Amino acid sequence: MLTGSCACRAVRYEIAGELGPIVFCHCGDCRKAQGGAFAVTAPVRTSELRFVSGEDALEAYPSSPGKERVFCRRCGSPIISRRAARPDVARLRLGTLDTAIDARPVAHIFVASKAPWFEITDGLPQYAEYEPTR
């Protein structure tokens, strides 16, 4: 069982299953939503994600056609993003996890639009857009 929360702790969640592959997303929308060079995300099954408190504090923002970003309206912490075409999957923002994990990122995605002031130096695979397996 994994647990997580937003910065103000109003929103708390549990994940009963496994995280999917962790990626660093460098797209412009993720950079703006995170306020940094990239977002660190992993897919989770929506059937295994449960909000244990603060679901009423969640706000969804339609960031692009068919996609919304879900955040805490009180503190602004990004929690998940989801696509209408994939209602069974949410992309969790890993900075909100409270449980320590052993899994490590596997790739950088959307590096074609990465911040010009950030240099990737870790040797992980880099993809101009989505990773080929998605």
C-alpha atoms as a PDB file:
ATOM      1  CA  MET A   1       0.000   0.000   0.000  1.00  0.00           C
ATOM      2  CA  LEU A   2       1.329   3.408  -0.986  1.00  0.00           C
ATOM      3  CA  THR A   3       0.084   6.626   0.591  1.00  0.00           C
ATOM      4  CA  GLY A   4       0.385  10.265  -0.351  1.00  0.00           C
ATOM      5  CA  SER A   5      -0.928  13.745   0.282  1.00  0.00           C
ATOM      6  CA  CYS A   6      -0.852  17.326  -0.880  1.00  0.00           C
ATOM      7  CA  ALA A   7       1.291  20.013   0.787  1.00  0.00           C
ATOM      8  CA  CYS A   8      -1.464  21.160   3.164  1.00  0.00           C
ATOM      9  CA  ARG A   9      -2.450  17.519   3.902  1.00  0.00           C
ATOM     10  CA  ALA A  10      -6.113  18.186   3.048  1.00  0.00           C
ATOM     11  CA  VAL A  11      -5.958  15.619   0.222  1.00  0.00           C
ATOM     12  CA  ARG A  12      -4.794  12.136   1.199  1.00  0.00           C
ATOM     13  CA  TYR A  13      -4.780   9.068  -0.992  1.00  0.00           C
ATOM     14  CA  GLU A  14      -3.879   5.383  -1.021  1.00  0.00           C
ATOM     15  CA  ILE A  15      -2.750   3.195  -3.886  1.00  0.00           C
ATOM     16  CA  ALA A  16      -3.455  -0.503  -3.469  1.00  0.00           C
ATOM     17  CA  GLY A  17      -1.421  -1.571  -6.518  1.00  0.00           C
ATOM     18  CA  GLU A  18       1.876  -1.016  -8.245  1.00  0.00           C
ATOM     19  CA  LEU A  19       3.236   2.106  -9.843  1.00  0.00           C
ATOM     20  CA  GLY A  20       3.926   1.905 -13.547  1.00  0.00           C
ATOM     21  CA  PRO A  21       7.188   3.128 -15.109  1.00  0.00           C
ATOM     22  CA  ILE A  22       8.404   6.415 -13.649  1.00  0.00           C
ATOM     23  CA  VAL A  23       9.320   9.114 -16.158  1.00  0.00           C
ATOM     24  CA  PHE A  24      10.552  12.682 -16.141  1.00  0.00           C
ATOM     25  CA  CYS A  25       8.188  14.679 -18.375  1.00  0.00           C
ATOM     26  CA  HIS A  26       9.694  17.846 -19.849  1.00  0.00           C
ATOM     27  CA  CYS A  27       6.657  19.084 -21.804  1.00  0.00           C
ATOM     28  CA  GLY A  28       5.745  22.726 -21.416  1.00  0.00           C
ATOM     29  CA  ASP A  29       2.459  21.957 -19.644  1.00  0.00           C
ATOM     30  CA  CYS A  30       4.162  19.793 -17.015  1.00  0.00           C
ATOM     31  CA  ARG A  31       6.868  22.400 -16.469  1.00  0.00           C
ATOM     32  CA  LYS A  32       4.224  25.088 -15.889  1.00  0.00           C
ATOM     33  CA  ALA A  33       2.098  22.837 -13.649  1.00  0.00           C
ATOM     34  CA  GLN A  34       5.108  21.818 -11.533  1.00  0.00           C
ATOM     35  CA  GLY A  35       6.916  25.148 -11.556  1.00  0.00           C
ATOM     36  CA  GLY A  36      10.156  23.363 -12.414  1.00  0.00           C
ATOM     37  CA  ALA A  37      12.171  21.773 -15.203  1.00  0.00           C
ATOM     38  CA  PHE A  38       9.995  18.643 -15.367  1.00  0.00           C
ATOM     39  CA  ALA A  39       7.310  16.557 -13.682  1.00  0.00           C
ATOM     40  CA  VAL A  40       8.040  13.138 -12.203  1.00  0.00           C
ATOM     41  CA  THR A  41       5.096  10.858 -12.934  1.00  0.00           C
ATOM     42  CA  ALA A  42       4.024   7.235 -12.941  1.00  0.00           C
ATOM     43  CA  PRO A  43       0.806   5.649 -14.130  1.00  0.00           C
ATOM     44  CA  VAL A  44      -1.532   4.043 -11.590  1.00  0.00           C
ATOM     45  CA  ARG A  45      -4.764   2.184 -12.143  1.00  0.00           C
ATOM     46  CA  THR A  46      -7.700   4.350 -11.155  1.00  0.00           C
ATOM     47  CA  SER A  47      -9.336   1.262  -9.639  1.00  0.00           C
ATOM     48  CA  GLU A  48      -6.386   1.055  -7.210  1.00  0.00           C
ATOM     49  CA  LEU A  49      -6.299   4.787  -6.335  1.00  0.00           C
ATOM     50  CA  ARG A  50      -8.521   5.861  -3.460  1.00  0.00           C
ATOM     51  CA  PHE A  51      -8.845   9.313  -1.951  1.00  0.00           C
ATOM     52  CA  VAL A  52      -9.194   8.812   1.800  1.00  0.00           C
ATOM     53  CA  SER A  53      -9.758  12.489   2.591  1.00  0.00           C
ATOM     54  CA  GLY A  54     -10.018  15.842   0.882  1.00  0.00           C
ATOM     55  CA  GLU A  55     -11.658  14.725  -2.328  1.00  0.00           C
ATOM     56  CA  ASP A  56     -13.816  17.850  -1.998  1.00  0.00           C
ATOM     57  CA  ALA A  57     -10.598  19.931  -2.124  1.00  0.00           C
ATOM     58  CA  LEU A  58      -9.649  18.537  -5.542  1.00  0.00           C
ATOM     59  CA  GLU A  59     -10.039  20.753  -8.579  1.00  0.00           C
ATOM     60  CA  ALA A  60      -9.623  19.635 -12.195  1.00  0.00           C
ATOM     61  CA  TYR A  61      -8.183  21.896 -14.877  1.00  0.00           C
ATOM     62  CA  PRO A  62      -8.658  20.946 -18.560  1.00  0.00           C
ATOM     63  CA  SER A  63      -5.070  21.527 -19.724  1.00  0.00           C
ATOM     64  CA  SER A  64      -5.533  20.253 -23.286  1.00  0.00           C
ATOM     65  CA  PRO A  65      -8.264  18.502 -25.278  1.00  0.00           C
ATOM     66  CA  GLY A  66      -9.149  15.277 -23.496  1.00  0.00           C
ATOM     67  CA  LYS A  67      -6.716  15.817 -20.604  1.00  0.00           C
ATOM     68  CA  GLU A  68      -7.136  17.329 -17.182  1.00  0.00           C
ATOM     69  CA  ARG A  69      -4.773  18.021 -14.319  1.00  0.00           C
ATOM     70  CA  VAL A  70      -6.111  17.481 -10.819  1.00  0.00           C
ATOM     71  CA  PHE A  71      -4.723  19.519  -7.938  1.00  0.00           C
ATOM     72  CA  CYS A  72      -5.573  20.602  -4.385  1.00  0.00           C
ATOM     73  CA  ARG A  73      -7.516  23.840  -4.548  1.00  0.00           C
ATOM     74  CA  ARG A  74      -6.221  24.861  -1.089  1.00  0.00           C
ATOM     75  CA  CYS A  75      -2.458  24.554  -1.568  1.00  0.00           C
ATOM     76  CA  GLY A  76      -2.108  24.029  -5.332  1.00  0.00           C
ATOM     77  CA  SER A  77      -0.281  20.695  -5.134  1.00  0.00           C
ATOM     78  CA  PRO A  78      -0.640  18.743  -8.384  1.00  0.00           C
ATOM     79  CA  ILE A  79      -1.868  15.224  -7.603  1.00  0.00           C
ATOM     80  CA  ILE A  80      -2.730  13.428 -10.861  1.00  0.00           C
ATOM     81  CA  SER A  81      -3.486  13.989 -14.493  1.00  0.00           C
ATOM     82  CA  ARG A  82      -5.942  11.916 -16.476  1.00  0.00           C
ATOM     83  CA  ARG A  83      -7.076  11.478 -20.058  1.00  0.00           C
ATOM     84  CA  ALA A  84     -10.646  10.883 -21.192  1.00  0.00           C
ATOM     85  CA  ALA A  85      -9.345   8.237 -23.608  1.00  0.00           C
ATOM     86  CA  ARG A  86      -7.803   6.251 -20.716  1.00  0.00           C
ATOM     87  CA  PRO A  87     -10.247   6.436 -17.766  1.00  0.00           C
ATOM     88  CA  ASP A  88      -8.584   3.370 -16.216  1.00  0.00           C
ATOM     89  CA  VAL A  89      -5.231   5.164 -15.728  1.00  0.00           C
ATOM     90  CA  ALA A  90      -4.128   8.279 -13.836  1.00  0.00           C
ATOM     91  CA  ARG A  91      -0.624   9.731 -13.907  1.00  0.00           C
ATOM     92  CA  LEU A  92       0.455  10.307 -10.325  1.00  0.00           C
ATOM     93  CA  ARG A  93       2.780  13.186  -9.405  1.00  0.00           C
ATOM     94  CA  LEU A  94       5.380  11.318  -7.372  1.00  0.00           C
ATOM     95  CA  GLY A  95       6.341  14.318  -5.270  1.00  0.00           C
ATOM     96  CA  THR A  96       3.064  13.798  -3.409  1.00  0.00           C
ATOM     97  CA  LEU A  97       3.967  10.284  -2.219  1.00  0.00           C
ATOM     98  CA  ASP A  98       4.484   9.885   1.529  1.00  0.00           C
ATOM     99  CA  THR A  99       5.597   6.249   1.223  1.00  0.00           C
ATOM    100  CA  ALA A 100       9.212   5.595   0.267  1.00  0.00           C
ATOM    101  CA  ILE A 101       9.639   3.582  -2.929  1.00  0.00           C
ATOM    102  CA  ASP A 102      12.557   1.673  -4.430  1.00  0.00           C
ATOM    103  CA  ALA A 103      11.529   2.177  -8.063  1.00  0.00           C
ATOM    104  CA  ARG A 104      13.553   4.648 -10.084  1.00  0.00           C
ATOM    105  CA  PRO A 105      12.802   6.691 -13.224  1.00  0.00           C
ATOM    106  CA  VAL A 106      13.316   4.918 -16.535  1.00  0.00           C
ATOM    107  CA  ALA A 107      13.271   7.755 -19.104  1.00  0.00           C
ATOM    108  CA  HIS A 108      12.930  11.425 -19.979  1.00  0.00           C
ATOM    109  CA  ILE A 109       9.999  12.244 -22.261  1.00  0.00           C
ATOM    110  CA  PHE A 110       9.151  15.329 -24.318  1.00  0.00           C
ATOM    111  CA  VAL A 111      12.773  16.428 -24.309  1.00  0.00           C
ATOM    112  CA  ALA A 112      12.131  18.255 -27.607  1.00  0.00           C
ATOM    113  CA  SER A 113      10.368  20.899 -25.511  1.00  0.00           C
ATOM    114  CA  LYS A 114      12.511  20.781 -22.365  1.00  0.00           C
ATOM    115  CA  ALA A 115      13.581  23.939 -20.570  1.00  0.00           C
ATOM    116  CA  PRO A 116      16.667  25.318 -22.332  1.00  0.00           C
ATOM    117  CA  TRP A 117      18.279  26.133 -18.987  1.00  0.00           C
ATOM    118  CA  PHE A 118      18.160  22.501 -17.782  1.00  0.00           C
ATOM    119  CA  GLU A 119      20.775  19.945 -18.820  1.00  0.00           C
ATOM    120  CA  ILE A 120      19.974  16.225 -18.638  1.00  0.00           C
ATOM    121  CA  THR A 121      23.061  14.404 -17.385  1.00  0.00           C
ATOM    122  CA  ASP A 122      21.842  11.111 -15.919  1.00  0.00           C
ATOM    123  CA  GLY A 123      22.177   8.786 -18.932  1.00  0.00           C
ATOM    124  CA  LEU A 124      18.534   7.638 -18.974  1.00  0.00           C
ATOM    125  CA  PRO A 125      16.891   7.219 -22.390  1.00  0.00           C
ATOM    126  CA  GLN A 126      15.511  10.451 -23.837  1.00  0.00           C
ATOM    127  CA  TYR A 127      12.518  10.694 -26.158  1.00  0.00           C
ATOM    128  CA  ALA A 128      11.410  13.714 -28.186  1.00  0.00           C
ATOM    129  CA  GLU A 129       7.801  12.969 -27.212  1.00  0.00           C
ATOM    130  CA  TYR A 130       6.223   9.908 -25.555  1.00  0.00           C
ATOM    131  CA  GLU A 131       8.305   6.853 -24.858  1.00  0.00           C
ATOM    132  CA  PRO A 132       7.808   4.236 -27.622  1.00  0.00           C
ATOM    133  CA  THR A 133       6.019   1.771 -25.311  1.00  0.00           C
ATOM    134  CA  ARG A 134       3.133   4.144 -24.516  1.00  0.00           C
END
